[in-house]
Every structure is written in C-alpha cells, then in structure tokens.
Amino acid sequence: QVQLVESGGGLVQSGASLRLSCTASGLTFSNYAMGWFRQADGKKREFVGVVGVSGEGKMYAGSGEGRFTISRDNAKNMVYLQMNAPKPEDTAVYYCAAGQFGREEYSYDYWGQGIQVTVSS
C-alpha cells in the first residue's frame, strides 16, 4: 500500500522559513517524480512545484519561484519543500504527490493527506 505522509506544517510568521517533508512508502520512490500542490480555503488545488526522479529537474509555479525550493533524498524516500519568506497568501493545505513530471494533477498517481500551513502577517 502506497503512503505519502506530509509533516512540518503549522503556523509560521510571514518572512520566517518553513520546511515541509513528505515520507513515501510502498512504492519504488526513485521511479517517481514528486510534486507539491496546495489548496487554500475556497480555491482549487494548485501546483506548487515538482522535482524529477534524480532530483535535478525541477519546475515551480510562478507564485513560489525564487522563494520555494524542492529537493529529494532517494535514500530516505523523502521529498522536501523549503519555504523561504512565506507570505499570508501561501496559507493553504499542502499536498505531496508521486507520479510523472508535470504541473497537472492528472500526472500524479498517489497523494498524501495534506498538511496545513498558516502564515501570519
């Protein structure tokens, strides 16, 4: 059974840093691109970024470009989302997902349950 479990969320002040982690099990982790998505209250889930299987190819949504960094550790079956200088508009439930490299939800086969990130001003 595939499981993706996010951790590291919570309340953070605007301008501080936060790192989300996602631990994967039940799949050959190094075969999957790993993406991050988020969903704010009342809004559709949106793409945040993705890292390719080797960790070198990366793509980000414009909203996080330059502030967010995705990395992965294939030895630990983990993917990370480093959020620098978060803003209140980054408040959302954040999801990690495993699948094909892409921006669209249909590219991903497996999803975590999500974790709340709240950025206070």
N, C-alpha and C. Protein backbone atom coordinates (compact mmCIF):
# COMPACT_ATOMS: atom_id res chain seq x y z
N GLN A 1 0.85 -1.19 0.00
CA GLN A 1 0.00 0.00 0.00
C GLN A 1 0.88 1.24 0.00
N VAL A 2 0.62 2.12 -0.96
CA VAL A 2 1.40 3.34 -1.06
C VAL A 2 0.92 4.35 -0.04
N GLN A 3 1.87 4.95 0.64
CA GLN A 3 1.54 6.01 1.59
C GLN A 3 2.49 7.18 1.40
N LEU A 4 1.92 8.36 1.37
CA LEU A 4 2.69 9.61 1.37
C LEU A 4 2.23 10.39 2.59
N VAL A 5 3.16 10.74 3.45
CA VAL A 5 2.81 11.41 4.70
C VAL A 5 3.59 12.71 4.81
N GLU A 6 2.85 13.82 4.84
CA GLU A 6 3.48 15.13 4.98
C GLU A 6 3.70 15.46 6.45
N SER A 7 4.72 16.26 6.70
CA SER A 7 4.98 16.73 8.06
C SER A 7 5.67 18.09 7.99
N GLY A 8 5.72 18.77 9.13
CA GLY A 8 6.43 20.04 9.20
C GLY A 8 5.57 21.27 9.05
N GLY A 9 4.28 21.09 8.89
CA GLY A 9 3.40 22.24 8.72
C GLY A 9 3.09 22.91 10.05
N GLY A 10 2.24 23.91 10.00
CA GLY A 10 1.85 24.62 11.21
C GLY A 10 1.74 26.10 10.97
N LEU A 11 1.92 26.85 12.04
CA LEU A 11 1.82 28.31 11.98
C LEU A 11 3.21 28.90 11.88
N VAL A 12 3.39 29.80 10.94
CA VAL A 12 4.68 30.46 10.77
C VAL A 12 4.43 31.93 10.49
N GLN A 13 5.32 32.75 10.98
CA GLN A 13 5.20 34.19 10.73
C GLN A 13 5.70 34.53 9.33
N SER A 14 5.06 35.49 8.73
CA SER A 14 5.49 35.97 7.43
C SER A 14 6.96 36.37 7.48
N GLY A 15 7.73 35.91 6.51
CA GLY A 15 9.15 36.22 6.47
C GLY A 15 10.04 35.18 7.09
N ALA A 16 9.48 34.30 7.91
CA ALA A 16 10.28 33.24 8.50
C ALA A 16 10.41 32.11 7.47
N SER A 17 11.00 31.01 7.88
CA SER A 17 11.17 29.89 6.96
C SER A 17 10.48 28.66 7.51
N LEU A 18 10.10 27.79 6.61
CA LEU A 18 9.42 26.56 6.99
C LEU A 18 9.80 25.49 5.98
N ARG A 19 10.01 24.30 6.49
CA ARG A 19 10.29 23.19 5.58
C ARG A 19 9.28 22.09 5.78
N LEU A 20 8.61 21.75 4.70
CA LEU A 20 7.71 20.61 4.72
C LEU A 20 8.47 19.37 4.25
N SER A 21 8.12 18.25 4.83
CA SER A 21 8.69 16.97 4.43
C SER A 21 7.57 16.03 4.03
N CYS A 22 7.91 15.10 3.17
CA CYS A 22 6.95 14.07 2.76
C CYS A 22 7.71 12.75 2.72
N THR A 23 7.21 11.80 3.47
CA THR A 23 7.83 10.47 3.52
C THR A 23 6.97 9.49 2.74
N ALA A 24 7.61 8.79 1.83
CA ALA A 24 6.89 7.85 0.97
C ALA A 24 7.21 6.41 1.34
N SER A 25 6.22 5.55 1.21
CA SER A 25 6.42 4.13 1.43
C SER A 25 5.51 3.36 0.49
N GLY A 26 5.88 2.10 0.24
CA GLY A 26 5.04 1.24 -0.58
C GLY A 26 5.22 1.41 -2.07
N LEU A 27 6.23 2.18 -2.49
CA LEU A 27 6.49 2.37 -3.91
C LEU A 27 7.99 2.49 -4.12
N THR A 28 8.41 2.30 -5.36
CA THR A 28 9.82 2.49 -5.69
C THR A 28 10.02 3.99 -5.89
N PHE A 29 10.42 4.63 -4.84
CA PHE A 29 10.42 6.09 -4.78
C PHE A 29 11.22 6.72 -5.91
N SER A 30 12.35 6.16 -6.21
CA SER A 30 13.24 6.75 -7.21
C SER A 30 12.68 6.66 -8.63
N ASN A 31 11.56 5.97 -8.81
CA ASN A 31 10.92 5.89 -10.13
C ASN A 31 9.91 6.99 -10.37
N TYR A 32 9.63 7.78 -9.35
CA TYR A 32 8.55 8.76 -9.42
C TYR A 32 9.05 10.19 -9.28
N ALA A 33 8.53 11.05 -10.13
CA ALA A 33 8.65 12.48 -9.88
C ALA A 33 7.79 12.80 -8.67
N MET A 34 8.22 13.78 -7.90
CA MET A 34 7.48 14.16 -6.69
C MET A 34 7.05 15.61 -6.78
N GLY A 35 5.78 15.82 -6.63
CA GLY A 35 5.24 17.16 -6.74
C GLY A 35 4.65 17.65 -5.43
N TRP A 36 4.54 18.96 -5.35
CA TRP A 36 3.84 19.61 -4.24
C TRP A 36 2.70 20.45 -4.83
N PHE A 37 1.55 20.36 -4.20
CA PHE A 37 0.39 21.14 -4.55
C PHE A 37 -0.13 21.79 -3.28
N ARG A 38 -1.02 22.75 -3.45
CA ARG A 38 -1.65 23.36 -2.28
C ARG A 38 -3.07 23.77 -2.62
N GLN A 39 -3.87 23.86 -1.56
CA GLN A 39 -5.26 24.28 -1.72
C GLN A 39 -5.63 25.21 -0.58
N ALA A 40 -5.92 26.44 -0.94
CA ALA A 40 -6.39 27.42 0.03
C ALA A 40 -7.90 27.31 0.18
N ASP A 41 -8.42 27.81 1.28
CA ASP A 41 -9.86 27.76 1.52
C ASP A 41 -10.62 28.39 0.37
N GLY A 42 -11.58 27.66 -0.15
CA GLY A 42 -12.43 28.20 -1.20
C GLY A 42 -11.82 28.24 -2.58
N LYS A 43 -10.61 27.69 -2.71
CA LYS A 43 -9.93 27.74 -4.00
C LYS A 43 -9.61 26.33 -4.49
N LYS A 44 -9.32 26.23 -5.77
CA LYS A 44 -8.92 24.95 -6.35
C LYS A 44 -7.50 24.60 -5.91
N ARG A 45 -7.23 23.33 -5.91
CA ARG A 45 -5.86 22.90 -5.62
C ARG A 45 -4.96 23.34 -6.77
N GLU A 46 -3.78 23.83 -6.43
CA GLU A 46 -2.88 24.36 -7.45
C GLU A 46 -1.48 23.79 -7.30
N PHE A 47 -0.80 23.77 -8.40
CA PHE A 47 0.56 23.26 -8.49
C PHE A 47 1.52 24.22 -7.78
N VAL A 48 2.45 23.65 -7.02
CA VAL A 48 3.50 24.44 -6.37
C VAL A 48 4.84 24.18 -7.05
N GLY A 49 5.17 22.92 -7.23
CA GLY A 49 6.45 22.58 -7.85
C GLY A 49 6.61 21.08 -7.95
N VAL A 50 7.62 20.66 -8.68
CA VAL A 50 7.89 19.24 -8.87
C VAL A 50 9.39 19.04 -9.01
N VAL A 51 9.84 17.89 -8.56
CA VAL A 51 11.24 17.50 -8.75
C VAL A 51 11.27 16.16 -9.46
N GLY A 52 12.18 16.03 -10.42
CA GLY A 52 12.28 14.81 -11.18
C GLY A 52 12.90 13.68 -10.39
N VAL A 53 12.97 12.52 -11.00
CA VAL A 53 13.37 11.31 -10.29
C VAL A 53 14.78 11.39 -9.71
N SER A 54 15.67 12.08 -10.42
CA SER A 54 17.05 12.17 -9.96
C SER A 54 17.29 13.34 -9.02
N GLY A 55 16.33 14.23 -8.94
CA GLY A 55 16.48 15.41 -8.11
C GLY A 55 17.03 16.62 -8.85
N GLU A 56 17.36 16.46 -10.11
CA GLU A 56 17.96 17.57 -10.84
C GLU A 56 16.92 18.40 -11.57
N GLY A 57 15.99 17.78 -12.24
CA GLY A 57 14.96 18.53 -12.94
C GLY A 57 13.93 19.07 -11.98
N LYS A 58 13.67 20.37 -12.06
CA LYS A 58 12.69 20.98 -11.17
C LYS A 58 11.87 22.00 -11.95
N MET A 59 10.67 22.19 -11.50
CA MET A 59 9.78 23.17 -12.10
C MET A 59 8.92 23.74 -10.99
N TYR A 60 8.70 25.05 -11.04
CA TYR A 60 7.94 25.72 -10.00
C TYR A 60 6.83 26.56 -10.61
N ALA A 61 5.78 26.73 -9.82
CA ALA A 61 4.76 27.70 -10.17
C ALA A 61 5.34 29.09 -9.95
N GLY A 62 4.80 30.05 -10.69
CA GLY A 62 5.32 31.40 -10.57
C GLY A 62 5.22 31.99 -9.19
N SER A 63 4.19 31.59 -8.45
CA SER A 63 3.96 32.17 -7.12
C SER A 63 5.09 31.84 -6.15
N GLY A 64 5.75 30.70 -6.37
CA GLY A 64 6.80 30.28 -5.44
C GLY A 64 8.20 30.41 -5.98
N GLU A 65 8.32 30.78 -7.23
CA GLU A 65 9.63 30.88 -7.87
C GLU A 65 10.53 31.83 -7.09
N GLY A 66 11.70 31.35 -6.75
CA GLY A 66 12.65 32.16 -6.01
C GLY A 66 12.47 32.11 -4.51
N ARG A 67 11.34 31.64 -4.04
CA ARG A 67 11.10 31.55 -2.59
C ARG A 67 11.02 30.11 -2.12
N PHE A 68 10.54 29.23 -2.98
CA PHE A 68 10.37 27.83 -2.61
C PHE A 68 11.42 26.98 -3.31
N THR A 69 11.89 25.98 -2.60
CA THR A 69 12.86 25.05 -3.17
C THR A 69 12.43 23.63 -2.85
N ILE A 70 12.36 22.81 -3.89
CA ILE A 70 12.03 21.40 -3.70
C ILE A 70 13.30 20.58 -3.83
N SER A 71 13.43 19.61 -2.96
CA SER A 71 14.56 18.68 -3.03
C SER A 71 14.07 17.30 -2.62
N ARG A 72 14.90 16.31 -2.90
CA ARG A 72 14.51 14.94 -2.54
C ARG A 72 15.75 14.17 -2.10
N ASP A 73 15.49 13.15 -1.29
CA ASP A 73 16.54 12.24 -0.85
C ASP A 73 16.04 10.83 -1.16
N ASN A 74 16.54 10.26 -2.23
CA ASN A 74 16.05 8.95 -2.65
C ASN A 74 16.46 7.84 -1.68
N ALA A 75 17.52 8.05 -0.94
CA ALA A 75 17.94 7.05 0.03
C ALA A 75 16.98 6.99 1.22
N LYS A 76 16.30 8.10 1.48
CA LYS A 76 15.38 8.16 2.62
C LYS A 76 13.92 8.13 2.18
N ASN A 77 13.68 8.09 0.88
CA ASN A 77 12.30 8.13 0.36
C ASN A 77 11.57 9.39 0.83
N MET A 78 12.27 10.50 0.75
CA MET A 78 11.68 11.75 1.22
C MET A 78 11.82 12.86 0.20
N VAL A 79 10.84 13.74 0.20
CA VAL A 79 10.88 14.96 -0.60
C VAL A 79 10.57 16.12 0.32
N TYR A 80 11.17 17.26 0.00
CA TYR A 80 11.06 18.43 0.87
C TYR A 80 10.58 19.64 0.08
N LEU A 81 9.90 20.52 0.79
CA LEU A 81 9.55 21.82 0.23
C LEU A 81 10.03 22.88 1.22
N GLN A 82 11.10 23.56 0.86
CA GLN A 82 11.62 24.64 1.67
C GLN A 82 10.91 25.92 1.26
N MET A 83 10.25 26.55 2.25
CA MET A 83 9.51 27.78 2.00
C MET A 83 10.24 28.92 2.70
N ASN A 84 10.84 29.76 1.91
CA ASN A 84 11.52 30.93 2.45
C ASN A 84 10.65 32.17 2.25
N ALA A 85 10.70 33.04 3.23
CA ALA A 85 9.90 34.28 3.18
C ALA A 85 8.46 34.00 2.80
N PRO A 86 7.79 33.11 3.51
CA PRO A 86 6.39 32.85 3.16
C PRO A 86 5.52 34.07 3.41
N LYS A 87 4.44 34.14 2.67
CA LYS A 87 3.51 35.26 2.77
C LYS A 87 2.16 34.73 3.24
N PRO A 88 1.31 35.59 3.77
CA PRO A 88 -0.02 35.13 4.18
C PRO A 88 -0.78 34.44 3.06
N GLU A 89 -0.56 34.84 1.83
CA GLU A 89 -1.26 34.19 0.71
C GLU A 89 -0.74 32.79 0.41
N ASP A 90 0.31 32.37 1.08
CA ASP A 90 0.78 30.99 0.98
C ASP A 90 0.03 30.06 1.92
N THR A 91 -0.85 30.62 2.74
CA THR A 91 -1.64 29.80 3.65
C THR A 91 -2.52 28.84 2.86
N ALA A 92 -2.39 27.56 3.18
CA ALA A 92 -3.11 26.53 2.43
C ALA A 92 -2.83 25.17 3.05
N VAL A 93 -3.56 24.18 2.58
CA VAL A 93 -3.20 22.79 2.85
C VAL A 93 -2.25 22.36 1.73
N TYR A 94 -1.11 21.82 2.12
CA TYR A 94 -0.09 21.42 1.17
C TYR A 94 -0.08 19.89 1.03
N TYR A 95 -0.01 19.45 -0.21
CA TYR A 95 -0.04 18.02 -0.53
C TYR A 95 1.23 17.63 -1.28
N CYS A 96 1.77 16.49 -0.96
CA CYS A 96 2.79 15.92 -1.84
C CYS A 96 2.14 14.83 -2.68
N ALA A 97 2.74 14.60 -3.84
CA ALA A 97 2.17 13.64 -4.78
C ALA A 97 3.29 12.96 -5.55
N ALA A 98 3.05 11.72 -5.94
CA ALA A 98 4.04 10.94 -6.69
C ALA A 98 3.45 10.58 -8.05
N GLY A 99 4.25 10.79 -9.10
CA GLY A 99 3.76 10.46 -10.44
C GLY A 99 4.74 10.84 -11.50
N GLN A 100 4.21 11.44 -12.57
CA GLN A 100 5.03 11.87 -13.69
C GLN A 100 5.33 13.35 -13.56
N PHE A 101 6.44 13.76 -14.12
CA PHE A 101 6.86 15.16 -14.03
C PHE A 101 5.86 16.03 -14.76
N GLY A 102 5.21 16.93 -14.03
CA GLY A 102 4.25 17.80 -14.69
C GLY A 102 3.56 18.73 -13.71
N ARG A 103 2.75 19.64 -14.27
CA ARG A 103 2.03 20.62 -13.46
C ARG A 103 0.61 20.20 -13.13
N GLU A 104 0.09 19.24 -13.87
CA GLU A 104 -1.31 18.91 -13.74
C GLU A 104 -1.55 17.77 -12.76
N GLU A 105 -2.68 17.83 -12.08
CA GLU A 105 -2.99 16.79 -11.09
C GLU A 105 -3.05 15.41 -11.72
N TYR A 106 -3.49 15.34 -12.97
CA TYR A 106 -3.63 14.03 -13.59
C TYR A 106 -2.29 13.36 -13.85
N SER A 107 -1.21 14.08 -13.69
CA SER A 107 0.12 13.49 -13.85
C SER A 107 0.51 12.62 -12.67
N TYR A 108 -0.24 12.72 -11.58
CA TYR A 108 0.17 12.09 -10.33
C TYR A 108 -0.75 10.94 -9.93
N ASP A 109 -0.14 9.86 -9.50
CA ASP A 109 -0.87 8.65 -9.17
C ASP A 109 -1.22 8.54 -7.69
N TYR A 110 -0.37 9.10 -6.85
CA TYR A 110 -0.55 8.94 -5.40
C TYR A 110 -0.45 10.30 -4.72
N TRP A 111 -1.25 10.44 -3.66
CA TRP A 111 -1.34 11.71 -2.94
C TRP A 111 -1.24 11.50 -1.44
N GLY A 112 -0.64 12.47 -0.78
CA GLY A 112 -0.68 12.49 0.67
C GLY A 112 -2.01 13.06 1.15
N GLN A 113 -2.18 13.05 2.46
CA GLN A 113 -3.44 13.52 3.04
C GLN A 113 -3.46 15.03 3.20
N GLY A 114 -2.31 15.65 3.07
CA GLY A 114 -2.23 17.10 3.17
C GLY A 114 -1.87 17.57 4.57
N ILE A 115 -1.27 18.74 4.63
CA ILE A 115 -0.90 19.32 5.91
C ILE A 115 -1.12 20.83 5.85
N GLN A 116 -1.65 21.38 6.93
CA GLN A 116 -1.98 22.80 6.97
C GLN A 116 -0.73 23.64 7.21
N VAL A 117 -0.60 24.69 6.42
CA VAL A 117 0.40 25.72 6.64
C VAL A 117 -0.34 27.05 6.75
N THR A 118 -0.14 27.74 7.84
CA THR A 118 -0.77 29.03 8.06
C THR A 118 0.33 30.07 8.27
N VAL A 119 0.31 31.09 7.44
CA VAL A 119 1.31 32.15 7.53
C VAL A 119 0.65 33.41 8.08
N SER A 120 1.13 33.85 9.22
CA SER A 120 0.55 35.04 9.84
C SER A 120 1.33 36.28 9.42
N SER A 121 0.60 37.39 9.35
CA SER A 121 1.25 38.65 8.93
C SER A 121 1.85 39.38 10.11
